[in-house]
Amino acid sequence: MPTTVLLTALGVLMAGQMHTVPALLHPMATALGTTPRQATWTATASGFAYAAGLLLAGPLSDRYGPRAVITTGLVAAATSTTAVSVAPDPPR
């Protein structure tokens, strides 16, 4: 039960994040010193990666089990988040 509650909460947060970003593209671009068009491409790439992950998660869960897929996904998310935190600034 605690795992279900945690995964549900994370799913709601992710959906909220995906729908909040378009409204904040202009302020984010301004804060990062880039154009809204460049910020939009970043958000679009993130959305496509999220969609691809969802399409792959089902078949991979059937093959390797949900626990292995979720654990691998969490490690990949933590790794990519760390990589993004040390990435250079976007082009100006």
PDB file of N, CA and C in Angstrom:
ATOM      1  N   MET A   1       0.809  -1.206   0.000  1.00  0.00           N
ATOM      2  CA  MET A   1       0.000   0.000   0.000  1.00  0.00           C
ATOM      3  C   MET A   1       0.858   1.278   0.000  1.00  0.00           C
ATOM      4  N   PRO A   2       1.907   1.377   0.830  1.00  0.00           N
ATOM      5  CA  PRO A   2       2.723   2.601   0.795  1.00  0.00           C
ATOM      6  C   PRO A   2       3.371   2.830  -0.573  1.00  0.00           C
ATOM      7  N   THR A   3       3.753   1.753  -1.256  1.00  0.00           N
ATOM      8  CA  THR A   3       4.355   1.897  -2.577  1.00  0.00           C
ATOM      9  C   THR A   3       3.344   2.465  -3.568  1.00  0.00           C
ATOM     10  N   THR A   4       2.116   1.998  -3.494  1.00  0.00           N
ATOM     11  CA  THR A   4       1.063   2.496  -4.384  1.00  0.00           C
ATOM     12  C   THR A   4       0.810   3.974  -4.147  1.00  0.00           C
ATOM     13  N   VAL A   5       0.772   4.378  -2.893  1.00  0.00           N
ATOM     14  CA  VAL A   5       0.550   5.786  -2.562  1.00  0.00           C
ATOM     15  C   VAL A   5       1.710   6.635  -3.086  1.00  0.00           C
ATOM     16  N   LEU A   6       2.930   6.177  -2.894  1.00  0.00           N
ATOM     17  CA  LEU A   6       4.107   6.914  -3.366  1.00  0.00           C
ATOM     18  C   LEU A   6       4.103   7.051  -4.885  1.00  0.00           C
ATOM     19  N   LEU A   7       3.869   5.951  -5.592  1.00  0.00           N
ATOM     20  CA  LEU A   7       3.878   6.004  -7.050  1.00  0.00           C
ATOM     21  C   LEU A   7       2.742   6.856  -7.596  1.00  0.00           C
ATOM     22  N   THR A   8       1.583   6.818  -6.940  1.00  0.00           N
ATOM     23  CA  THR A   8       0.464   7.670  -7.351  1.00  0.00           C
ATOM     24  C   THR A   8       0.811   9.138  -7.161  1.00  0.00           C
ATOM     25  N   ALA A   9       1.396   9.469  -6.022  1.00  0.00           N
ATOM     26  CA  ALA A   9       1.790  10.861  -5.767  1.00  0.00           C
ATOM     27  C   ALA A   9       2.827  11.327  -6.782  1.00  0.00           C
ATOM     28  N   LEU A  10       3.797  10.485  -7.099  1.00  0.00           N
ATOM     29  CA  LEU A  10       4.808  10.848  -8.091  1.00  0.00           C
ATOM     30  C   LEU A  10       4.199  11.018  -9.480  1.00  0.00           C
ATOM     31  N   GLY A  11       3.226  10.173  -9.815  1.00  0.00           N
ATOM     32  CA  GLY A  11       2.544  10.298 -11.099  1.00  0.00           C
ATOM     33  C   GLY A  11       1.771  11.599 -11.211  1.00  0.00           C
ATOM     34  N   VAL A  12       1.099  11.982 -10.136  1.00  0.00           N
ATOM     35  CA  VAL A  12       0.357  13.250 -10.125  1.00  0.00           C
ATOM     36  C   VAL A  12       1.321  14.423 -10.250  1.00  0.00           C
ATOM     37  N   LEU A  13       2.436  14.375  -9.541  1.00  0.00           N
ATOM     38  CA  LEU A  13       3.435  15.447  -9.644  1.00  0.00           C
ATOM     39  C   LEU A  13       4.001  15.543 -11.053  1.00  0.00           C
ATOM     40  N   MET A  14       4.268  14.422 -11.684  1.00  0.00           N
ATOM     41  CA  MET A  14       4.821  14.440 -13.040  1.00  0.00           C
ATOM     42  C   MET A  14       3.814  15.022 -14.018  1.00  0.00           C
ATOM     43  N   ALA A  15       2.567  14.604 -13.917  1.00  0.00           N
ATOM     44  CA  ALA A  15       1.538  15.157 -14.803  1.00  0.00           C
ATOM     45  C   ALA A  15       1.396  16.659 -14.570  1.00  0.00           C
ATOM     46  N   GLY A  16       1.435  17.082 -13.329  1.00  0.00           N
ATOM     47  CA  GLY A  16       1.355  18.509 -13.018  1.00  0.00           C
ATOM     48  C   GLY A  16       2.527  19.272 -13.592  1.00  0.00           C
ATOM     49  N   GLN A  17       3.698  18.675 -13.523  1.00  0.00           N
ATOM     50  CA  GLN A  17       4.894  19.317 -14.068  1.00  0.00           C
ATOM     51  C   GLN A  17       4.763  19.476 -15.578  1.00  0.00           C
ATOM     52  N   MET A  18       4.273  18.458 -16.246  1.00  0.00           N
ATOM     53  CA  MET A  18       4.145  18.520 -17.701  1.00  0.00           C
ATOM     54  C   MET A  18       3.160  19.610 -18.140  1.00  0.00           C
ATOM     55  N   HIS A  19       2.138  19.855 -17.337  1.00  0.00           N
ATOM     56  CA  HIS A  19       1.126  20.841 -17.708  1.00  0.00           C
ATOM     57  C   HIS A  19       1.429  22.240 -17.181  1.00  0.00           C
ATOM     58  N   THR A  20       2.357  22.364 -16.281  1.00  0.00           N
ATOM     59  CA  THR A  20       2.730  23.665 -15.737  1.00  0.00           C
ATOM     60  C   THR A  20       3.783  24.360 -16.595  1.00  0.00           C
ATOM     61  N   VAL A  21       4.654  23.598 -17.193  1.00  0.00           N
ATOM     62  CA  VAL A  21       5.776  24.161 -17.947  1.00  0.00           C
ATOM     63  C   VAL A  21       5.341  25.111 -19.067  1.00  0.00           C
ATOM     64  N   PRO A  22       4.343  24.770 -19.903  1.00  0.00           N
ATOM     65  CA  PRO A  22       3.989  25.706 -20.982  1.00  0.00           C
ATOM     66  C   PRO A  22       3.619  27.107 -20.485  1.00  0.00           C
ATOM     67  N   ALA A  23       2.966  27.183 -19.359  1.00  0.00           N
ATOM     68  CA  ALA A  23       2.591  28.491 -18.821  1.00  0.00           C
ATOM     69  C   ALA A  23       3.802  29.270 -18.315  1.00  0.00           C
ATOM     70  N   LEU A  24       4.858  28.582 -17.980  1.00  0.00           N
ATOM     71  CA  LEU A  24       6.039  29.230 -17.412  1.00  0.00           C
ATOM     72  C   LEU A  24       7.198  29.375 -18.396  1.00  0.00           C
ATOM     73  N   LEU A  25       6.988  29.050 -19.665  1.00  0.00           N
ATOM     74  CA  LEU A  25       8.092  29.089 -20.624  1.00  0.00           C
ATOM     75  C   LEU A  25       8.703  30.480 -20.758  1.00  0.00           C
ATOM     76  N   HIS A  26       7.888  31.490 -20.849  1.00  0.00           N
ATOM     77  CA  HIS A  26       8.435  32.843 -21.019  1.00  0.00           C
ATOM     78  C   HIS A  26       9.234  33.281 -19.788  1.00  0.00           C
ATOM     79  N   PRO A  27       8.680  33.153 -18.560  1.00  0.00           N
ATOM     80  CA  PRO A  27       9.494  33.518 -17.389  1.00  0.00           C
ATOM     81  C   PRO A  27      10.764  32.672 -17.245  1.00  0.00           C
ATOM     82  N   MET A  28      10.683  31.391 -17.595  1.00  0.00           N
ATOM     83  CA  MET A  28      11.878  30.539 -17.513  1.00  0.00           C
ATOM     84  C   MET A  28      12.927  30.991 -18.517  1.00  0.00           C
ATOM     85  N   ALA A  29      12.504  31.307 -19.735  1.00  0.00           N
ATOM     86  CA  ALA A  29      13.444  31.763 -20.759  1.00  0.00           C
ATOM     87  C   ALA A  29      14.107  33.067 -20.332  1.00  0.00           C
ATOM     88  N   THR A  30      13.315  33.961 -19.757  1.00  0.00           N
ATOM     89  CA  THR A  30      13.867  35.229 -19.286  1.00  0.00           C
ATOM     90  C   THR A  30      14.881  35.003 -18.176  1.00  0.00           C
ATOM     91  N   ALA A  31      14.539  34.135 -17.228  1.00  0.00           N
ATOM     92  CA  ALA A  31      15.441  33.869 -16.099  1.00  0.00           C
ATOM     93  C   ALA A  31      16.735  33.194 -16.555  1.00  0.00           C
ATOM     94  N   LEU A  32      16.628  32.367 -17.597  1.00  0.00           N
ATOM     95  CA  LEU A  32      17.811  31.658 -18.092  1.00  0.00           C
ATOM     96  C   LEU A  32      18.571  32.446 -19.148  1.00  0.00           C
ATOM     97  N   GLY A  33      18.046  33.605 -19.531  1.00  0.00           N
ATOM     98  CA  GLY A  33      18.722  34.429 -20.519  1.00  0.00           C
ATOM     99  C   GLY A  33      18.690  33.836 -21.909  1.00  0.00           C
ATOM    100  N   THR A  34      17.617  33.151 -22.258  1.00  0.00           N
ATOM    101  CA  THR A  34      17.475  32.559 -23.580  1.00  0.00           C
ATOM    102  C   THR A  34      16.131  32.989 -24.164  1.00  0.00           C
ATOM    103  N   THR A  35      15.796  32.468 -25.322  1.00  0.00           N
ATOM    104  CA  THR A  35      14.536  32.841 -25.953  1.00  0.00           C
ATOM    105  C   THR A  35      13.441  31.844 -25.587  1.00  0.00           C
ATOM    106  N   PRO A  36      12.186  32.283 -25.621  1.00  0.00           N
ATOM    107  CA  PRO A  36      11.091  31.332 -25.379  1.00  0.00           C
ATOM    108  C   PRO A  36      11.108  30.173 -26.381  1.00  0.00           C
ATOM    109  N   ARG A  37      11.524  30.424 -27.615  1.00  0.00           N
ATOM    110  CA  ARG A  37      11.584  29.358 -28.625  1.00  0.00           C
ATOM    111  C   ARG A  37      12.574  28.265 -28.200  1.00  0.00           C
ATOM    112  N   GLN A  38      13.737  28.654 -27.702  1.00  0.00           N
ATOM    113  CA  GLN A  38      14.720  27.660 -27.250  1.00  0.00           C
ATOM    114  C   GLN A  38      14.209  26.919 -26.017  1.00  0.00           C
ATOM    115  N   ALA A  39      13.544  27.625 -25.122  1.00  0.00           N
ATOM    116  CA  ALA A  39      12.977  26.968 -23.935  1.00  0.00           C
ATOM    117  C   ALA A  39      11.881  25.986 -24.335  1.00  0.00           C
ATOM    118  N   THR A  40      11.128  26.321 -25.370  1.00  0.00           N
ATOM    119  CA  THR A  40      10.072  25.427 -25.845  1.00  0.00           C
ATOM    120  C   THR A  40      10.659  24.124 -26.373  1.00  0.00           C
ATOM    121  N   TRP A  41      11.772  24.204 -27.097  1.00  0.00           N
ATOM    122  CA  TRP A  41      12.406  22.983 -27.601  1.00  0.00           C
ATOM    123  C   TRP A  41      12.857  22.083 -26.454  1.00  0.00           C
ATOM    124  N   THR A  42      13.338  22.673 -25.393  1.00  0.00           N
ATOM    125  CA  THR A  42      13.751  21.882 -24.234  1.00  0.00           C
ATOM    126  C   THR A  42      12.556  21.166 -23.618  1.00  0.00           C
ATOM    127  N   ALA A  43      11.450  21.877 -23.456  1.00  0.00           N
ATOM    128  CA  ALA A  43      10.241  21.277 -22.893  1.00  0.00           C
ATOM    129  C   ALA A  43       9.687  20.197 -23.816  1.00  0.00           C
ATOM    130  N   THR A  44       9.757  20.420 -25.118  1.00  0.00           N
ATOM    131  CA  THR A  44       9.270  19.434 -26.085  1.00  0.00           C
ATOM    132  C   THR A  44      10.109  18.158 -26.030  1.00  0.00           C
ATOM    133  N   ALA A  45      11.411  18.303 -25.966  1.00  0.00           N
ATOM    134  CA  ALA A  45      12.300  17.130 -25.878  1.00  0.00           C
ATOM    135  C   ALA A  45      12.014  16.339 -24.609  1.00  0.00           C
ATOM    136  N   SER A  46      11.777  17.034 -23.526  1.00  0.00           N
ATOM    137  CA  SER A  46      11.451  16.368 -22.264  1.00  0.00           C
ATOM    138  C   SER A  46      10.138  15.599 -22.388  1.00  0.00           C
ATOM    139  N   GLY A  47       9.150  16.204 -23.016  1.00  0.00           N
ATOM    140  CA  GLY A  47       7.861  15.534 -23.200  1.00  0.00           C
ATOM    141  C   GLY A  47       7.968  14.287 -24.061  1.00  0.00           C
ATOM    142  N   PHE A  48       8.760  14.369 -25.145  1.00  0.00           N
ATOM    143  CA  PHE A  48       8.953  13.195 -25.998  1.00  0.00           C
ATOM    144  C   PHE A  48       9.683  12.075 -25.260  1.00  0.00           C
ATOM    145  N   ALA A  49      10.674  12.428 -24.462  1.00  0.00           N
ATOM    146  CA  ALA A  49      11.394  11.418 -23.681  1.00  0.00           C
ATOM    147  C   ALA A  49      10.459  10.757 -22.669  1.00  0.00           C
ATOM    148  N   TYR A  50       9.604  11.538 -22.047  1.00  0.00           N
ATOM    149  CA  TYR A  50       8.631  11.000 -21.085  1.00  0.00           C
ATOM    150  C   TYR A  50       7.670  10.044 -21.795  1.00  0.00           C
ATOM    151  N   ALA A  51       7.159  10.445 -22.960  1.00  0.00           N
ATOM    152  CA  ALA A  51       6.230   9.593 -23.705  1.00  0.00           C
ATOM    153  C   ALA A  51       6.903   8.295 -24.145  1.00  0.00           C
ATOM    154  N   ALA A  52       8.135   8.381 -24.619  1.00  0.00           N
ATOM    155  CA  ALA A  52       8.858   7.183 -25.038  1.00  0.00           C
ATOM    156  C   ALA A  52       9.077   6.244 -23.859  1.00  0.00           C
ATOM    157  N   GLY A  53       9.384   6.820 -22.701  1.00  0.00           N
ATOM    158  CA  GLY A  53       9.562   5.999 -21.507  1.00  0.00           C
ATOM    159  C   GLY A  53       8.291   5.270 -21.123  1.00  0.00           C
ATOM    160  N   LEU A  54       7.159   5.941 -21.257  1.00  0.00           N
ATOM    161  CA  LEU A  54       5.881   5.292 -20.940  1.00  0.00           C
ATOM    162  C   LEU A  54       5.587   4.157 -21.915  1.00  0.00           C
ATOM    163  N   LEU A  55       5.888   4.362 -23.196  1.00  0.00           N
ATOM    164  CA  LEU A  55       5.648   3.311 -24.179  1.00  0.00           C
ATOM    165  C   LEU A  55       6.541   2.091 -23.957  1.00  0.00           C
ATOM    166  N   LEU A  56       7.728   2.318 -23.445  1.00  0.00           N
ATOM    167  CA  LEU A  56       8.653   1.207 -23.202  1.00  0.00           C
ATOM    168  C   LEU A  56       8.417   0.517 -21.864  1.00  0.00           C
ATOM    169  N   ALA A  57       7.865   1.235 -20.898  1.00  0.00           N
ATOM    170  CA  ALA A  57       7.741   0.695 -19.539  1.00  0.00           C
ATOM    171  C   ALA A  57       6.842  -0.535 -19.473  1.00  0.00           C
ATOM    172  N   GLY A  58       5.743  -0.536 -20.206  1.00  0.00           N
ATOM    173  CA  GLY A  58       4.820  -1.677 -20.162  1.00  0.00           C
ATOM    174  C   GLY A  58       5.462  -2.970 -20.632  1.00  0.00           C
ATOM    175  N   PRO A  59       5.977  -2.992 -21.867  1.00  0.00           N
ATOM    176  CA  PRO A  59       6.607  -4.231 -22.336  1.00  0.00           C
ATOM    177  C   PRO A  59       7.812  -4.659 -21.479  1.00  0.00           C
ATOM    178  N   LEU A  60       8.590  -3.673 -21.023  1.00  0.00           N
ATOM    179  CA  LEU A  60       9.736  -4.026 -20.174  1.00  0.00           C
ATOM    180  C   LEU A  60       9.274  -4.595 -18.840  1.00  0.00           C
ATOM    181  N   SER A  61       8.174  -4.089 -18.298  1.00  0.00           N
ATOM    182  CA  SER A  61       7.629  -4.629 -17.045  1.00  0.00           C
ATOM    183  C   SER A  61       7.166  -6.065 -17.221  1.00  0.00           C
ATOM    184  N   ASP A  62       6.554  -6.342 -18.365  1.00  0.00           N
ATOM    185  CA  ASP A  62       6.115  -7.717 -18.632  1.00  0.00           C
ATOM    186  C   ASP A  62       7.308  -8.658 -18.723  1.00  0.00           C
ATOM    187  N   ARG A  63       8.393  -8.173 -19.272  1.00  0.00           N
ATOM    188  CA  ARG A  63       9.561  -9.038 -19.480  1.00  0.00           C
ATOM    189  C   ARG A  63      10.429  -9.175 -18.225  1.00  0.00           C
ATOM    190  N   TYR A  64      10.702  -8.046 -17.532  1.00  0.00           N
ATOM    191  CA  TYR A  64      11.654  -8.059 -16.422  1.00  0.00           C
ATOM    192  C   TYR A  64      11.013  -7.867 -15.050  1.00  0.00           C
ATOM    193  N   GLY A  65       9.738  -7.542 -15.020  1.00  0.00           N
ATOM    194  CA  GLY A  65       9.054  -7.315 -13.750  1.00  0.00           C
ATOM    195  C   GLY A  65       8.984  -5.832 -13.412  1.00  0.00           C
ATOM    196  N   PRO A  66       7.885  -5.419 -12.804  1.00  0.00           N
ATOM    197  CA  PRO A  66       7.699  -3.991 -12.521  1.00  0.00           C
ATOM    198  C   PRO A  66       8.729  -3.412 -11.557  1.00  0.00           C
ATOM    199  N   ARG A  67       9.139  -4.179 -10.568  1.00  0.00           N
ATOM    200  CA  ARG A  67      10.102  -3.655  -9.594  1.00  0.00           C
ATOM    201  C   ARG A  67      11.428  -3.298 -10.264  1.00  0.00           C
ATOM    202  N   ALA A  68      11.908  -4.149 -11.150  1.00  0.00           N
ATOM    203  CA  ALA A  68      13.178  -3.885 -11.841  1.00  0.00           C
ATOM    204  C   ALA A  68      13.053  -2.663 -12.750  1.00  0.00           C
ATOM    205  N   VAL A  69      11.918  -2.529 -13.429  1.00  0.00           N
ATOM    206  CA  VAL A  69      11.731  -1.400 -14.346  1.00  0.00           C
ATOM    207  C   VAL A  69      11.624  -0.089 -13.564  1.00  0.00           C
ATOM    208  N   ILE A  70      10.871  -0.103 -12.479  1.00  0.00           N
ATOM    209  CA  ILE A  70      10.723   1.115 -11.667  1.00  0.00           C
ATOM    210  C   ILE A  70      12.062   1.509 -11.049  1.00  0.00           C
ATOM    211  N   THR A  71      12.796   0.541 -10.529  1.00  0.00           N
ATOM    212  CA  THR A  71      14.096   0.826  -9.924  1.00  0.00           C
ATOM    213  C   THR A  71      15.064   1.395 -10.964  1.00  0.00           C
ATOM    214  N   THR A  72      15.098   0.779 -12.127  1.00  0.00           N
ATOM    215  CA  THR A  72      15.970   1.274 -13.199  1.00  0.00           C
ATOM    216  C   THR A  72      15.559   2.686 -13.612  1.00  0.00           C
ATOM    217  N   GLY A  73      14.257   2.931 -13.709  1.00  0.00           N
ATOM    218  CA  GLY A  73      13.769   4.257 -14.073  1.00  0.00           C
ATOM    219  C   GLY A  73      14.137   5.313 -13.043  1.00  0.00           C
ATOM    220  N   LEU A  74      14.044   4.959 -11.777  1.00  0.00           N
ATOM    221  CA  LEU A  74      14.404   5.908 -10.725  1.00  0.00           C
ATOM    222  C   LEU A  74      15.899   6.228 -10.756  1.00  0.00           C
ATOM    223  N   VAL A  75      16.718   5.216 -10.993  1.00  0.00           N
ATOM    224  CA  VAL A  75      18.168   5.444 -11.089  1.00  0.00           C
ATOM    225  C   VAL A  75      18.475   6.313 -12.307  1.00  0.00           C
ATOM    226  N   ALA A  76      17.820   6.029 -13.434  1.00  0.00           N
ATOM    227  CA  ALA A  76      18.036   6.833 -14.642  1.00  0.00           C
ATOM    228  C   ALA A  76      17.586   8.276 -14.417  1.00  0.00           C
ATOM    229  N   ALA A  77      16.457   8.467 -13.738  1.00  0.00           N
ATOM    230  CA  ALA A  77      15.968   9.822 -13.464  1.00  0.00           C
ATOM    231  C   ALA A  77      16.934  10.575 -12.546  1.00  0.00           C
ATOM    232  N   ALA A  78      17.442   9.901 -11.526  1.00  0.00           N
ATOM    233  CA  ALA A  78      18.387  10.548 -10.613  1.00  0.00           C
ATOM    234  C   ALA A  78      19.684  10.900 -11.340  1.00  0.00           C
ATOM    235  N   THR A  79      20.140  10.011 -12.202  1.00  0.00           N
ATOM    236  CA  THR A  79      21.368  10.259 -12.953  1.00  0.00           C
ATOM    237  C   THR A  79      21.193  11.423 -13.918  1.00  0.00           C
ATOM    238  N   SER A  80      20.084  11.437 -14.654  1.00  0.00           N
ATOM    239  CA  SER A  80      19.879  12.519 -15.621  1.00  0.00           C
ATOM    240  C   SER A  80      19.649  13.853 -14.918  1.00  0.00           C
ATOM    241  N   THR A  81      18.998  13.830 -13.764  1.00  0.00           N
ATOM    242  CA  THR A  81      18.803  15.064 -13.006  1.00  0.00           C
ATOM    243  C   THR A  81      20.138  15.621 -12.537  1.00  0.00           C
ATOM    244  N   THR A  82      21.016  14.749 -12.093  1.00  0.00           N
ATOM    245  CA  THR A  82      22.352  15.179 -11.676  1.00  0.00           C
ATOM    246  C   THR A  82      23.132  15.743 -12.866  1.00  0.00           C
ATOM    247  N   ALA A  83      23.017  15.088 -14.014  1.00  0.00           N
ATOM    248  CA  ALA A  83      23.717  15.574 -15.212  1.00  0.00           C
ATOM    249  C   ALA A  83      23.204  16.951 -15.625  1.00  0.00           C
ATOM    250  N   VAL A  84      21.919  17.156 -15.539  1.00  0.00           N
ATOM    251  CA  VAL A  84      21.343  18.444 -15.916  1.00  0.00           C
ATOM    252  C   VAL A  84      21.812  19.545 -14.957  1.00  0.00           C
ATOM    253  N   SER A  85      21.986  19.198 -13.696  1.00  0.00           N
ATOM    254  CA  SER A  85      22.394  20.214 -12.725  1.00  0.00           C
ATOM    255  C   SER A  85      23.802  20.741 -12.969  1.00  0.00           C
ATOM    256  N   VAL A  86      24.634  19.974 -13.665  1.00  0.00           N
ATOM    257  CA  VAL A  86      25.996  20.422 -13.954  1.00  0.00           C
ATOM    258  C   VAL A  86      26.182  20.817 -15.425  1.00  0.00           C
ATOM    259  N   ALA A  87      25.094  20.794 -16.185  1.00  0.00           N
ATOM    260  CA  ALA A  87      25.161  21.166 -17.603  1.00  0.00           C
ATOM    261  C   ALA A  87      25.433  22.667 -17.750  1.00  0.00           C
ATOM    262  N   PRO A  88      26.033  23.065 -18.853  1.00  0.00           N
ATOM    263  CA  PRO A  88      26.263  24.493 -19.078  1.00  0.00           C
ATOM    264  C   PRO A  88      24.942  25.228 -19.299  1.00  0.00           C
ATOM    265  N   ASP A  89      24.994  26.540 -19.217  1.00  0.00           N
ATOM    266  CA  ASP A  89      23.806  27.354 -19.469  1.00  0.00           C
ATOM    267  C   ASP A  89      23.341  27.174 -20.908  1.00  0.00           C
ATOM    268  N   PRO A  90      22.032  27.412 -21.147  1.00  0.00           N
ATOM    269  CA  PRO A  90      21.548  27.331 -22.533  1.00  0.00           C
ATOM    270  C   PRO A  90      22.147  28.443 -23.379  1.00  0.00           C
ATOM    271  N   PRO A  91      22.153  28.260 -24.709  1.00  0.00           N
ATOM    272  CA  PRO A  91      22.713  29.314 -25.564  1.00  0.00           C
ATOM    273  C   PRO A  91      21.922  30.607 -25.436  1.00  0.00           C
ATOM    274  N   ARG A  92      22.616  31.703 -25.579  1.00  0.00           N
ATOM    275  CA  ARG A  92      21.953  33.019 -25.454  1.00  0.00           C
ATOM    276  C   ARG A  92      21.743  33.644 -26.802  1.00  0.00           C
TER     277      ARG A  92
END
